[in-house]
Amino acid sequence: MLPKIFILAVLVLILASLFSALALMFRKEGQKNKMVQALTVRVALSIGLFLMLLAGFYFGIIPQNGLK
């Protein structure tokens, strides 16, 4: 149950960062640096989630059949 909650929480954070960057894109020119930071956070969270999923499969936390 805990892996499911963790995965969903990270996915929500990824989406929040993506929509934050979208909102910053439509603001004034001075916000471009914050938009780049938001997109950097999104990419870092995505890579981190991918690596955590790989580690979960490798160490047997997530079975080959998937989470049920």
C-alpha atoms as a PDB file:
ATOM      1  CA  MET A   1       0.000   0.000   0.000  1.00  0.00           C
ATOM      2  CA  LEU A   2       2.850   2.366   0.829  1.00  0.00           C
ATOM      3  CA  PRO A   3       4.482   2.094  -2.641  1.00  0.00           C
ATOM      4  CA  LYS A   4       1.160   3.017  -4.287  1.00  0.00           C
ATOM      5  CA  ILE A   5       0.795   6.104  -2.108  1.00  0.00           C
ATOM      6  CA  PHE A   6       4.389   7.135  -2.761  1.00  0.00           C
ATOM      7  CA  ILE A   7       4.047   6.722  -6.534  1.00  0.00           C
ATOM      8  CA  LEU A   8       0.783   8.674  -6.633  1.00  0.00           C
ATOM      9  CA  ALA A   9       2.238  11.442  -4.462  1.00  0.00           C
ATOM     10  CA  VAL A  10       5.225  11.842  -6.776  1.00  0.00           C
ATOM     11  CA  LEU A  11       2.954  11.869  -9.832  1.00  0.00           C
ATOM     12  CA  VAL A  12       0.851  14.616  -8.237  1.00  0.00           C
ATOM     13  CA  LEU A  13       4.029  16.620  -7.536  1.00  0.00           C
ATOM     14  CA  ILE A  14       5.133  16.171 -11.155  1.00  0.00           C
ATOM     15  CA  LEU A  15       1.782  17.448 -12.434  1.00  0.00           C
ATOM     16  CA  ALA A  16       1.816  20.360  -9.979  1.00  0.00           C
ATOM     17  CA  SER A  17       5.268  21.380 -11.180  1.00  0.00           C
ATOM     18  CA  LEU A  18       4.160  21.109 -14.812  1.00  0.00           C
ATOM     19  CA  PHE A  19       1.094  23.299 -14.300  1.00  0.00           C
ATOM     20  CA  SER A  20       3.157  25.736 -12.238  1.00  0.00           C
ATOM     21  CA  ALA A  21       5.512  26.155 -15.187  1.00  0.00           C
ATOM     22  CA  LEU A  22       2.523  26.596 -17.495  1.00  0.00           C
ATOM     23  CA  ALA A  23       1.123  29.372 -15.313  1.00  0.00           C
ATOM     24  CA  LEU A  24       4.524  31.069 -15.132  1.00  0.00           C
ATOM     25  CA  MET A  25       4.859  30.888 -18.918  1.00  0.00           C
ATOM     26  CA  PHE A  26       1.858  33.196 -19.373  1.00  0.00           C
ATOM     27  CA  ARG A  27       3.096  35.793 -16.900  1.00  0.00           C
ATOM     28  CA  LYS A  28       5.492  38.642 -17.519  1.00  0.00           C
ATOM     29  CA  GLU A  29       9.009  38.211 -18.888  1.00  0.00           C
ATOM     30  CA  GLY A  30      10.641  38.384 -15.449  1.00  0.00           C
ATOM     31  CA  GLN A  31       9.206  34.981 -14.493  1.00  0.00           C
ATOM     32  CA  LYS A  32      11.142  32.941 -17.094  1.00  0.00           C
ATOM     33  CA  ASN A  33      13.797  31.924 -14.570  1.00  0.00           C
ATOM     34  CA  LYS A  34      11.133  30.528 -12.227  1.00  0.00           C
ATOM     35  CA  MET A  35       9.557  28.656 -15.130  1.00  0.00           C
ATOM     36  CA  VAL A  36      12.878  26.988 -15.918  1.00  0.00           C
ATOM     37  CA  GLN A  37      13.254  26.035 -12.257  1.00  0.00           C
ATOM     38  CA  ALA A  38       9.761  24.506 -12.208  1.00  0.00           C
ATOM     39  CA  LEU A  39      10.528  22.453 -15.309  1.00  0.00           C
ATOM     40  CA  THR A  40      13.853  21.377 -13.797  1.00  0.00           C
ATOM     41  CA  VAL A  41      12.011  20.156 -10.698  1.00  0.00           C
ATOM     42  CA  ARG A  42       9.583  18.238 -12.912  1.00  0.00           C
ATOM     43  CA  VAL A  43      12.382  16.522 -14.814  1.00  0.00           C
ATOM     44  CA  ALA A  44      14.222  15.679 -11.582  1.00  0.00           C
ATOM     45  CA  LEU A  45      11.061  14.207 -10.042  1.00  0.00           C
ATOM     46  CA  SER A  46      10.382  12.168 -13.184  1.00  0.00           C
ATOM     47  CA  ILE A  47      13.898  10.747 -13.276  1.00  0.00           C
ATOM     48  CA  GLY A  48      13.782  10.073  -9.544  1.00  0.00           C
ATOM     49  CA  LEU A  49      10.455   8.243  -9.843  1.00  0.00           C
ATOM     50  CA  PHE A  50      11.773   6.160 -12.729  1.00  0.00           C
ATOM     51  CA  LEU A  51      14.879   5.178 -10.752  1.00  0.00           C
ATOM     52  CA  MET A  52      12.803   4.368  -7.675  1.00  0.00           C
ATOM     53  CA  LEU A  53      10.519   2.134  -9.773  1.00  0.00           C
ATOM     54  CA  LEU A  54      13.541   0.344 -11.212  1.00  0.00           C
ATOM     55  CA  ALA A  55      14.967  -0.145  -7.718  1.00  0.00           C
ATOM     56  CA  GLY A  56      11.598  -1.385  -6.485  1.00  0.00           C
ATOM     57  CA  PHE A  57      11.460  -4.023  -9.200  1.00  0.00           C
ATOM     58  CA  TYR A  58      15.085  -5.015  -8.628  1.00  0.00           C
ATOM     59  CA  PHE A  59      14.768  -5.399  -4.846  1.00  0.00           C
ATOM     60  CA  GLY A  60      11.362  -7.091  -5.021  1.00  0.00           C
ATOM     61  CA  ILE A  61       9.334  -4.313  -3.390  1.00  0.00           C
ATOM     62  CA  ILE A  62       7.214  -4.163  -6.524  1.00  0.00           C
ATOM     63  CA  PRO A  63       6.416  -7.668  -7.847  1.00  0.00           C
ATOM     64  CA  GLN A  64       6.624  -8.520 -11.534  1.00  0.00           C
ATOM     65  CA  ASN A  65       2.837  -8.753 -11.739  1.00  0.00           C
ATOM     66  CA  GLY A  66       2.538  -5.155 -10.596  1.00  0.00           C
ATOM     67  CA  LEU A  67       0.886  -3.583  -7.594  1.00  0.00           C
ATOM     68  CA  LYS A  68      -2.571  -4.883  -6.721  1.00  0.00           C
END
